[in-house]
Amino acid sequence: MAGFILEAAGTALEEVRSRRPLIHELTNVVTVNDCANITLAVGGRPAMTCSIREVAEMAAAADALVLNLGTLQEHTLEAMHVAAAAAARYGTPIVLDPVGAGGTAWRTGAAGGIIKNYPVAVIRGNASEIQALAAGGKSGVNPGVDSDDKEEADSAGIRKLSTTLGAVIAVTGAVDIVSDGKRTLYCKNGTPLLPYVTGTGCMTTALIGTYAAVTDPFTAALAGILSMGIAGERAVAGRLGTGPGTLHALLMDEIYTLNSETLVSSGKVVAEDE
């Protein structure tokens, strides 16, 4: 299965570059510029509209909708609901990044409300955020947005959550896991430097959203995660002294020069049943 899905990811990248899909992103103020640029670098067209006066129209016109709860405010949450409702009406795939879920009751409830009310295609988070959702919205366990979990996420719990929510679950960490409840993949690309660059998780979600515009949610989740992991590896390869600042700039270059052949040949993907 791993070989087949890698080929599908490569094909999805070619589709993105050919079709240049419009990606509507309601994301956080810390990473909005990075998310827009990474979307451009992979081949999409970002629209970062967040005014409640126009999000429904933009979501209806877009090829995918990305919702990121990072710097959540009452007005941005309201706009997300309006955009998600429009996306649901028009069949636009929705990708959710439940940033900080498990940290506070309001934030955790906000993530749960979106998941409950709209057909979310992919949920991308770190282990703590996904565990909070799996625990039924338990809060107070992850006050920050960066996971400090040392262990891999529980694949059985991820499969169950995916089945329960009807969404592909993508957990990023030392080893990334993607599951649709029936198929589960472990992705081992990346570099230990990635967590030192603010927004790599948000950028990964933006990549997933871009791929979701041209392929199925499972392939989109894998392609987005692989793109970031491989780009990180290539950014530090052969460059002595590379630090977070340099990596930040190089990630954009590596995503821009990424091709389908590299995705297939460099992807370190293992299926759970293999």
C-alpha atoms as a PDB file:
ATOM      1  CA  MET A   1       0.000   0.000   0.000  1.00  0.00           C
ATOM      2  CA  ALA A   2       2.831   2.420   0.822  1.00  0.00           C
ATOM      3  CA  GLY A   3       4.162   2.364  -2.728  1.00  0.00           C
ATOM      4  CA  PHE A   4       0.715   2.983  -4.209  1.00  0.00           C
ATOM      5  CA  ILE A   5      -0.027   5.928  -1.927  1.00  0.00           C
ATOM      6  CA  LEU A   6       3.370   7.487  -2.633  1.00  0.00           C
ATOM      7  CA  GLU A   7       2.568   7.394  -6.336  1.00  0.00           C
ATOM      8  CA  ALA A   8      -0.802   8.986  -5.584  1.00  0.00           C
ATOM      9  CA  ALA A   9       0.921  11.740  -3.599  1.00  0.00           C
ATOM     10  CA  GLY A  10       3.252  12.422  -6.514  1.00  0.00           C
ATOM     11  CA  THR A  11       0.308  12.632  -8.888  1.00  0.00           C
ATOM     12  CA  ALA A  12      -1.428  15.045  -6.514  1.00  0.00           C
ATOM     13  CA  LEU A  13       1.588  17.365  -6.585  1.00  0.00           C
ATOM     14  CA  GLU A  14       1.479  17.381 -10.375  1.00  0.00           C
ATOM     15  CA  GLU A  15      -2.238  18.189 -10.233  1.00  0.00           C
ATOM     16  CA  VAL A  16      -1.637  21.106  -7.855  1.00  0.00           C
ATOM     17  CA  ARG A  17       1.026  22.556 -10.129  1.00  0.00           C
ATOM     18  CA  SER A  18      -1.227  22.118 -13.165  1.00  0.00           C
ATOM     19  CA  ARG A  19      -4.515  23.378 -11.716  1.00  0.00           C
ATOM     20  CA  ARG A  20      -3.258  25.995  -9.213  1.00  0.00           C
ATOM     21  CA  PRO A  21      -6.239  25.595  -6.865  1.00  0.00           C
ATOM     22  CA  LEU A  22      -7.607  28.474  -4.794  1.00  0.00           C
ATOM     23  CA  ILE A  23      -7.152  27.766  -1.074  1.00  0.00           C
ATOM     24  CA  HIS A  24      -9.163  29.824   1.408  1.00  0.00           C
ATOM     25  CA  GLU A  25      -7.274  29.940   4.720  1.00  0.00           C
ATOM     26  CA  LEU A  26      -8.564  31.344   7.996  1.00  0.00           C
ATOM     27  CA  THR A  27      -5.399  30.973   9.991  1.00  0.00           C
ATOM     28  CA  ASN A  28      -3.603  32.651  12.868  1.00  0.00           C
ATOM     29  CA  VAL A  29      -1.759  35.947  12.842  1.00  0.00           C
ATOM     30  CA  VAL A  30       1.536  34.354  13.898  1.00  0.00           C
ATOM     31  CA  THR A  31       1.828  32.187  10.798  1.00  0.00           C
ATOM     32  CA  VAL A  32      -0.479  33.736   8.209  1.00  0.00           C
ATOM     33  CA  ASN A  33       2.395  34.936   6.006  1.00  0.00           C
ATOM     34  CA  ASP A  34       4.167  31.568   6.174  1.00  0.00           C
ATOM     35  CA  CYS A  35       0.973  29.681   5.314  1.00  0.00           C
ATOM     36  CA  ALA A  36       0.304  31.937   2.327  1.00  0.00           C
ATOM     37  CA  ASN A  37       3.863  31.568   1.050  1.00  0.00           C
ATOM     38  CA  ILE A  38       4.021  27.787   1.481  1.00  0.00           C
ATOM     39  CA  THR A  39       0.734  27.513  -0.435  1.00  0.00           C
ATOM     40  CA  LEU A  40       2.239  29.567  -3.248  1.00  0.00           C
ATOM     41  CA  ALA A  41       5.454  27.541  -3.163  1.00  0.00           C
ATOM     42  CA  VAL A  42       3.687  24.206  -3.631  1.00  0.00           C
ATOM     43  CA  GLY A  43       1.563  25.590  -6.466  1.00  0.00           C
ATOM     44  CA  GLY A  44      -1.687  26.791  -4.912  1.00  0.00           C
ATOM     45  CA  ARG A  45      -3.253  30.240  -4.735  1.00  0.00           C
ATOM     46  CA  PRO A  46      -3.883  31.396  -1.150  1.00  0.00           C
ATOM     47  CA  ALA A  47      -6.773  33.635  -0.099  1.00  0.00           C
ATOM     48  CA  MET A  48      -6.411  34.747   3.514  1.00  0.00           C
ATOM     49  CA  THR A  49      -9.773  36.500   3.769  1.00  0.00           C
ATOM     50  CA  CYS A  50     -11.141  36.491   7.319  1.00  0.00           C
ATOM     51  CA  SER A  51     -13.879  39.161   7.354  1.00  0.00           C
ATOM     52  CA  ILE A  52     -17.249  37.723   8.210  1.00  0.00           C
ATOM     53  CA  ARG A  53     -18.685  39.919   5.444  1.00  0.00           C
ATOM     54  CA  GLU A  54     -17.004  37.900   2.693  1.00  0.00           C
ATOM     55  CA  VAL A  55     -15.842  34.512   3.996  1.00  0.00           C
ATOM     56  CA  ALA A  56     -18.949  32.689   2.775  1.00  0.00           C
ATOM     57  CA  GLU A  57     -18.456  33.975  -0.753  1.00  0.00           C
ATOM     58  CA  MET A  58     -14.755  33.157  -0.699  1.00  0.00           C
ATOM     59  CA  ALA A  59     -15.265  29.667   0.718  1.00  0.00           C
ATOM     60  CA  ALA A  60     -17.841  28.964  -1.976  1.00  0.00           C
ATOM     61  CA  ALA A  61     -15.380  30.022  -4.682  1.00  0.00           C
ATOM     62  CA  ALA A  62     -12.383  28.182  -3.206  1.00  0.00           C
ATOM     63  CA  ASP A  63     -11.196  24.674  -3.995  1.00  0.00           C
ATOM     64  CA  ALA A  64     -10.444  23.945  -0.315  1.00  0.00           C
ATOM     65  CA  LEU A  65     -10.959  25.625   3.063  1.00  0.00           C
ATOM     66  CA  VAL A  66      -8.326  25.576   5.832  1.00  0.00           C
ATOM     67  CA  LEU A  67      -9.358  26.481   9.390  1.00  0.00           C
ATOM     68  CA  ASN A  68      -6.559  27.103  11.902  1.00  0.00           C
ATOM     69  CA  LEU A  69      -7.472  27.880  15.516  1.00  0.00           C
ATOM     70  CA  GLY A  70      -4.093  29.380  16.462  1.00  0.00           C
ATOM     71  CA  THR A  71      -4.798  32.947  17.607  1.00  0.00           C
ATOM     72  CA  LEU A  72      -8.500  32.337  18.093  1.00  0.00           C
ATOM     73  CA  GLN A  73     -10.861  35.261  18.713  1.00  0.00           C
ATOM     74  CA  GLU A  74     -14.639  35.414  18.979  1.00  0.00           C
ATOM     75  CA  HIS A  75     -14.976  37.138  15.612  1.00  0.00           C
ATOM     76  CA  THR A  76     -12.597  34.732  13.839  1.00  0.00           C
ATOM     77  CA  LEU A  77     -14.438  31.727  15.244  1.00  0.00           C
ATOM     78  CA  GLU A  78     -17.725  33.168  14.007  1.00  0.00           C
ATOM     79  CA  ALA A  79     -16.169  33.712  10.585  1.00  0.00           C
ATOM     80  CA  MET A  80     -14.927  30.117  10.554  1.00  0.00           C
ATOM     81  CA  HIS A  81     -18.455  28.842  11.145  1.00  0.00           C
ATOM     82  CA  VAL A  82     -19.808  30.984   8.321  1.00  0.00           C
ATOM     83  CA  ALA A  83     -17.050  29.850   5.955  1.00  0.00           C
ATOM     84  CA  ALA A  84     -17.434  26.191   6.931  1.00  0.00           C
ATOM     85  CA  ALA A  85     -21.195  26.315   6.387  1.00  0.00           C
ATOM     86  CA  ALA A  86     -20.644  27.713   2.892  1.00  0.00           C
ATOM     87  CA  ALA A  87     -17.951  25.114   2.142  1.00  0.00           C
ATOM     88  CA  ALA A  88     -20.301  22.347   3.250  1.00  0.00           C
ATOM     89  CA  ARG A  89     -23.044  23.645   0.945  1.00  0.00           C
ATOM     90  CA  TYR A  90     -20.730  23.699  -2.063  1.00  0.00           C
ATOM     91  CA  GLY A  91     -18.822  20.495  -1.311  1.00  0.00           C
ATOM     92  CA  THR A  92     -15.547  22.307  -0.657  1.00  0.00           C
ATOM     93  CA  PRO A  93     -13.165  20.094   1.383  1.00  0.00           C
ATOM     94  CA  ILE A  94     -12.494  21.420   4.890  1.00  0.00           C
ATOM     95  CA  VAL A  95      -9.148  20.901   6.658  1.00  0.00           C
ATOM     96  CA  LEU A  96      -8.961  21.696  10.374  1.00  0.00           C
ATOM     97  CA  ASP A  97      -5.913  22.479  12.512  1.00  0.00           C
ATOM     98  CA  PRO A  98      -7.143  22.409  16.145  1.00  0.00           C
ATOM     99  CA  VAL A  99      -4.194  24.412  17.460  1.00  0.00           C
ATOM    100  CA  GLY A 100      -3.966  24.228  21.238  1.00  0.00           C
ATOM    101  CA  ALA A 101      -6.963  21.908  21.639  1.00  0.00           C
ATOM    102  CA  GLY A 102      -6.804  20.547  25.155  1.00  0.00           C
ATOM    103  CA  GLY A 103      -5.350  23.782  26.502  1.00  0.00           C
ATOM    104  CA  THR A 104      -8.490  25.683  27.509  1.00  0.00           C
ATOM    105  CA  ALA A 105     -12.159  24.783  27.626  1.00  0.00           C
ATOM    106  CA  TRP A 106     -13.168  27.488  25.113  1.00  0.00           C
ATOM    107  CA  ARG A 107     -10.535  26.568  22.550  1.00  0.00           C
ATOM    108  CA  THR A 108     -11.203  22.856  22.896  1.00  0.00           C
ATOM    109  CA  GLY A 109     -14.929  23.451  22.585  1.00  0.00           C
ATOM    110  CA  ALA A 110     -14.355  25.574  19.483  1.00  0.00           C
ATOM    111  CA  ALA A 111     -12.567  22.687  17.784  1.00  0.00           C
ATOM    112  CA  GLY A 112     -15.311  20.292  18.795  1.00  0.00           C
ATOM    113  CA  GLY A 113     -18.014  22.620  17.512  1.00  0.00           C
ATOM    114  CA  ILE A 114     -16.497  22.797  14.046  1.00  0.00           C
ATOM    115  CA  ILE A 115     -16.027  19.037  13.909  1.00  0.00           C
ATOM    116  CA  LYS A 116     -19.604  18.399  15.071  1.00  0.00           C
ATOM    117  CA  ASN A 117     -21.326  20.788  12.701  1.00  0.00           C
ATOM    118  CA  TYR A 118     -19.413  20.467   9.424  1.00  0.00           C
ATOM    119  CA  PRO A 119     -18.007  17.642   7.247  1.00  0.00           C
ATOM    120  CA  VAL A 120     -14.312  18.077   8.047  1.00  0.00           C
ATOM    121  CA  ALA A 121     -12.187  16.077   5.602  1.00  0.00           C
ATOM    122  CA  VAL A 122      -8.843  16.143   7.461  1.00  0.00           C
ATOM    123  CA  ILE A 123      -7.835  17.040  11.012  1.00  0.00           C
ATOM    124  CA  ARG A 124      -4.108  17.748  11.402  1.00  0.00           C
ATOM    125  CA  GLY A 125      -2.626  18.231  14.861  1.00  0.00           C
ATOM    126  CA  ASN A 126       0.100  17.187  17.238  1.00  0.00           C
ATOM    127  CA  ALA A 127      -0.327  14.269  19.630  1.00  0.00           C
ATOM    128  CA  SER A 128      -1.645  16.365  22.533  1.00  0.00           C
ATOM    129  CA  GLU A 129      -4.257  18.106  20.400  1.00  0.00           C
ATOM    130  CA  ILE A 130      -5.509  14.883  18.847  1.00  0.00           C
ATOM    131  CA  GLN A 131      -5.557  13.126  22.219  1.00  0.00           C
ATOM    132  CA  ALA A 132      -7.683  15.951  23.607  1.00  0.00           C
ATOM    133  CA  LEU A 133     -10.214  15.472  20.818  1.00  0.00           C
ATOM    134  CA  ALA A 134     -10.179  11.710  21.329  1.00  0.00           C
ATOM    135  CA  ALA A 135     -10.845  12.247  25.038  1.00  0.00           C
ATOM    136  CA  GLY A 136     -14.072  14.015  24.205  1.00  0.00           C
ATOM    137  CA  GLY A 137     -12.741  17.543  24.505  1.00  0.00           C
ATOM    138  CA  LYS A 138     -10.792  17.298  27.742  1.00  0.00           C
ATOM    139  CA  SER A 139      -9.052  20.608  28.472  1.00  0.00           C
ATOM    140  CA  GLY A 140      -6.241  21.752  30.719  1.00  0.00           C
ATOM    141  CA  VAL A 141      -3.769  19.172  29.411  1.00  0.00           C
ATOM    142  CA  ASN A 142      -1.898  21.162  26.753  1.00  0.00           C
ATOM    143  CA  PRO A 143      -1.769  24.878  27.573  1.00  0.00           C
ATOM    144  CA  GLY A 144       0.726  25.593  24.783  1.00  0.00           C
ATOM    145  CA  VAL A 145       0.438  25.014  21.048  1.00  0.00           C
ATOM    146  CA  ASP A 146       3.532  22.803  20.815  1.00  0.00           C
ATOM    147  CA  SER A 147       3.319  19.204  21.933  1.00  0.00           C
ATOM    148  CA  ASP A 148       5.907  18.038  24.432  1.00  0.00           C
ATOM    149  CA  ASP A 149       4.906  14.399  24.082  1.00  0.00           C
ATOM    150  CA  LYS A 150       7.905  12.099  23.930  1.00  0.00           C
ATOM    151  CA  GLU A 151       6.017   9.035  22.744  1.00  0.00           C
ATOM    152  CA  GLU A 152       4.313   8.343  19.464  1.00  0.00           C
ATOM    153  CA  ALA A 153       0.575   8.853  19.319  1.00  0.00           C
ATOM    154  CA  ASP A 154      -1.578   5.771  19.849  1.00  0.00           C
ATOM    155  CA  SER A 155      -2.429   4.401  16.398  1.00  0.00           C
ATOM    156  CA  ALA A 156      -5.427   2.430  17.681  1.00  0.00           C
ATOM    157  CA  GLY A 157      -6.886   5.585  19.193  1.00  0.00           C
ATOM    158  CA  ILE A 158      -6.257   7.494  15.982  1.00  0.00           C
ATOM    159  CA  ARG A 159      -8.056   4.847  13.910  1.00  0.00           C
ATOM    160  CA  LYS A 160     -11.003   4.932  16.285  1.00  0.00           C
ATOM    161  CA  LEU A 161     -11.176   8.720  16.249  1.00  0.00           C
ATOM    162  CA  SER A 162     -11.058   8.760  12.453  1.00  0.00           C
ATOM    163  CA  THR A 163     -13.936   6.296  12.261  1.00  0.00           C
ATOM    164  CA  THR A 164     -15.953   8.172  14.871  1.00  0.00           C
ATOM    165  CA  LEU A 165     -15.522  11.581  13.249  1.00  0.00           C
ATOM    166  CA  GLY A 166     -15.561  10.434   9.645  1.00  0.00           C
ATOM    167  CA  ALA A 167     -12.389  12.419   8.981  1.00  0.00           C
ATOM    168  CA  VAL A 168      -8.821  11.545   8.127  1.00  0.00           C
ATOM    169  CA  ILE A 169      -6.611  12.099  11.178  1.00  0.00           C
ATOM    170  CA  ALA A 170      -3.045  13.281  10.638  1.00  0.00           C
ATOM    171  CA  VAL A 171      -0.795  13.445  13.686  1.00  0.00           C
ATOM    172  CA  THR A 172       2.586  15.108  13.285  1.00  0.00           C
ATOM    173  CA  GLY A 173       5.514  14.454  15.577  1.00  0.00           C
ATOM    174  CA  ALA A 174       8.779  12.530  15.636  1.00  0.00           C
ATOM    175  CA  VAL A 175       6.918   9.927  13.557  1.00  0.00           C
ATOM    176  CA  ASP A 176       3.850  11.158  11.700  1.00  0.00           C
ATOM    177  CA  ILE A 177       0.701   9.032  11.504  1.00  0.00           C
ATOM    178  CA  VAL A 178      -2.120   9.274   8.956  1.00  0.00           C
ATOM    179  CA  SER A 179      -5.273   7.190   9.270  1.00  0.00           C
ATOM    180  CA  ASP A 180      -8.729   7.045   7.734  1.00  0.00           C
ATOM    181  CA  GLY A 181      -9.883   4.377  10.161  1.00  0.00           C
ATOM    182  CA  LYS A 182      -9.110   1.535   7.773  1.00  0.00           C
ATOM    183  CA  ARG A 183      -5.653   2.441   6.496  1.00  0.00           C
ATOM    184  CA  THR A 184      -2.857   3.711   8.724  1.00  0.00           C
ATOM    185  CA  LEU A 185       0.523   4.976   7.567  1.00  0.00           C
ATOM    186  CA  TYR A 186       3.650   5.938   9.486  1.00  0.00           C
ATOM    187  CA  CYS A 187       5.748   8.702   7.915  1.00  0.00           C
ATOM    188  CA  LYS A 188       9.352   9.031   9.025  1.00  0.00           C
ATOM    189  CA  ASN A 189      10.615  11.979   7.008  1.00  0.00           C
ATOM    190  CA  GLY A 190      11.704  15.218   8.639  1.00  0.00           C
ATOM    191  CA  THR A 191      14.418  16.828  10.730  1.00  0.00           C
ATOM    192  CA  PRO A 192      14.665  17.521  14.484  1.00  0.00           C
ATOM    193  CA  LEU A 193      14.963  21.217  13.594  1.00  0.00           C
ATOM    194  CA  LEU A 194      11.375  21.525  12.377  1.00  0.00           C
ATOM    195  CA  PRO A 195       9.858  22.058  15.857  1.00  0.00           C
ATOM    196  CA  TYR A 196      12.206  25.030  16.336  1.00  0.00           C
ATOM    197  CA  VAL A 197      10.548  26.962  13.504  1.00  0.00           C
ATOM    198  CA  THR A 198       7.226  28.494  14.501  1.00  0.00           C
ATOM    199  CA  GLY A 199       4.503  27.547  12.080  1.00  0.00           C
ATOM    200  CA  THR A 200       5.786  24.338  10.520  1.00  0.00           C
ATOM    201  CA  GLY A 201       2.661  22.583  11.762  1.00  0.00           C
ATOM    202  CA  CYS A 202       0.429  25.341  10.395  1.00  0.00           C
ATOM    203  CA  MET A 203       2.309  25.249   7.099  1.00  0.00           C
ATOM    204  CA  THR A 204       1.839  21.482   6.933  1.00  0.00           C
ATOM    205  CA  THR A 205      -1.894  21.983   7.361  1.00  0.00           C
ATOM    206  CA  ALA A 206      -1.841  24.573   4.547  1.00  0.00           C
ATOM    207  CA  LEU A 207      -0.071  22.036   2.339  1.00  0.00           C
ATOM    208  CA  ILE A 208      -2.665  19.393   3.199  1.00  0.00           C
ATOM    209  CA  GLY A 209      -5.422  21.857   2.321  1.00  0.00           C
ATOM    210  CA  THR A 210      -3.799  22.567  -1.024  1.00  0.00           C
ATOM    211  CA  TYR A 211      -3.560  18.880  -1.848  1.00  0.00           C
ATOM    212  CA  ALA A 212      -7.140  18.300  -0.641  1.00  0.00           C
ATOM    213  CA  ALA A 213      -8.280  20.552  -3.476  1.00  0.00           C
ATOM    214  CA  VAL A 214      -7.102  18.008  -6.072  1.00  0.00           C
ATOM    215  CA  THR A 215      -7.219  14.569  -4.416  1.00  0.00           C
ATOM    216  CA  ASP A 216      -8.897  12.486  -1.718  1.00  0.00           C
ATOM    217  CA  PRO A 217      -8.381  13.417   1.971  1.00  0.00           C
ATOM    218  CA  PHE A 218      -6.142  10.439   2.816  1.00  0.00           C
ATOM    219  CA  THR A 219      -3.754  11.121  -0.049  1.00  0.00           C
ATOM    220  CA  ALA A 220      -3.859  14.854   0.689  1.00  0.00           C
ATOM    221  CA  ALA A 221      -2.887  14.330   4.332  1.00  0.00           C
ATOM    222  CA  LEU A 222       0.025  12.101   3.398  1.00  0.00           C
ATOM    223  CA  ALA A 223       1.199  14.380   0.585  1.00  0.00           C
ATOM    224  CA  GLY A 224       1.171  17.442   2.824  1.00  0.00           C
ATOM    225  CA  ILE A 225       3.091  15.732   5.602  1.00  0.00           C
ATOM    226  CA  LEU A 226       5.588  14.190   3.185  1.00  0.00           C
ATOM    227  CA  SER A 227       6.169  17.515   1.459  1.00  0.00           C
ATOM    228  CA  MET A 228       7.107  19.225   4.715  1.00  0.00           C
ATOM    229  CA  GLY A 229       9.192  16.299   5.976  1.00  0.00           C
ATOM    230  CA  ILE A 230      11.155  15.865   2.768  1.00  0.00           C
ATOM    231  CA  ALA A 231      11.635  19.622   2.401  1.00  0.00           C
ATOM    232  CA  GLY A 232      13.047  19.741   5.925  1.00  0.00           C
ATOM    233  CA  GLU A 233      15.469  16.918   5.198  1.00  0.00           C
ATOM    234  CA  ARG A 234      16.643  18.483   1.966  1.00  0.00           C
ATOM    235  CA  ALA A 235      17.001  21.900   3.571  1.00  0.00           C
ATOM    236  CA  VAL A 236      19.582  20.693   6.091  1.00  0.00           C
ATOM    237  CA  ALA A 237      21.313  18.078   3.918  1.00  0.00           C
ATOM    238  CA  GLY A 238      24.952  18.996   3.386  1.00  0.00           C
ATOM    239  CA  ARG A 239      24.554  22.395   5.026  1.00  0.00           C
ATOM    240  CA  LEU A 240      26.703  22.597   8.156  1.00  0.00           C
ATOM    241  CA  GLY A 241      25.470  25.013  10.781  1.00  0.00           C
ATOM    242  CA  THR A 242      21.895  25.194   9.552  1.00  0.00           C
ATOM    243  CA  GLY A 243      19.702  26.622  12.296  1.00  0.00           C
ATOM    244  CA  PRO A 244      16.020  27.573  12.639  1.00  0.00           C
ATOM    245  CA  GLY A 245      16.411  30.901  10.847  1.00  0.00           C
ATOM    246  CA  THR A 246      18.098  29.417   7.825  1.00  0.00           C
ATOM    247  CA  LEU A 247      15.737  26.451   7.790  1.00  0.00           C
ATOM    248  CA  HIS A 248      12.732  28.783   7.702  1.00  0.00           C
ATOM    249  CA  ALA A 249      13.873  30.331   4.422  1.00  0.00           C
ATOM    250  CA  LEU A 250      15.101  27.079   2.913  1.00  0.00           C
ATOM    251  CA  LEU A 251      11.769  25.330   3.497  1.00  0.00           C
ATOM    252  CA  MET A 252      10.096  27.632   0.993  1.00  0.00           C
ATOM    253  CA  ASP A 253      12.788  26.941  -1.598  1.00  0.00           C
ATOM    254  CA  GLU A 254      12.603  23.189  -1.114  1.00  0.00           C
ATOM    255  CA  ILE A 255       8.817  23.100  -1.378  1.00  0.00           C
ATOM    256  CA  TYR A 256       9.019  25.212  -4.535  1.00  0.00           C
ATOM    257  CA  THR A 257      11.535  22.850  -6.178  1.00  0.00           C
ATOM    258  CA  LEU A 258       9.846  19.653  -4.942  1.00  0.00           C
ATOM    259  CA  ASN A 259       8.651  17.308  -7.681  1.00  0.00           C
ATOM    260  CA  SER A 260       6.636  14.115  -7.864  1.00  0.00           C
ATOM    261  CA  GLU A 261       9.700  11.938  -8.416  1.00  0.00           C
ATOM    262  CA  THR A 262      11.261  13.200  -5.185  1.00  0.00           C
ATOM    263  CA  LEU A 263       8.068  12.577  -3.230  1.00  0.00           C
ATOM    264  CA  VAL A 264       7.999   8.987  -4.422  1.00  0.00           C
ATOM    265  CA  SER A 265      11.711   8.215  -4.093  1.00  0.00           C
ATOM    266  CA  SER A 266      12.317  10.001  -0.770  1.00  0.00           C
ATOM    267  CA  GLY A 267       9.123   9.172   1.066  1.00  0.00           C
ATOM    268  CA  LYS A 268       9.800   7.055   4.162  1.00  0.00           C
ATOM    269  CA  VAL A 269       6.342   5.590   4.544  1.00  0.00           C
ATOM    270  CA  VAL A 270       5.349   2.311   6.175  1.00  0.00           C
ATOM    271  CA  ALA A 271       1.835   0.891   6.290  1.00  0.00           C
ATOM    272  CA  GLU A 272       0.718  -0.477   9.642  1.00  0.00           C
ATOM    273  CA  ASP A 273      -0.007  -3.900   8.163  1.00  0.00           C
ATOM    274  CA  GLU A 274       3.297  -4.145   6.288  1.00  0.00           C
END
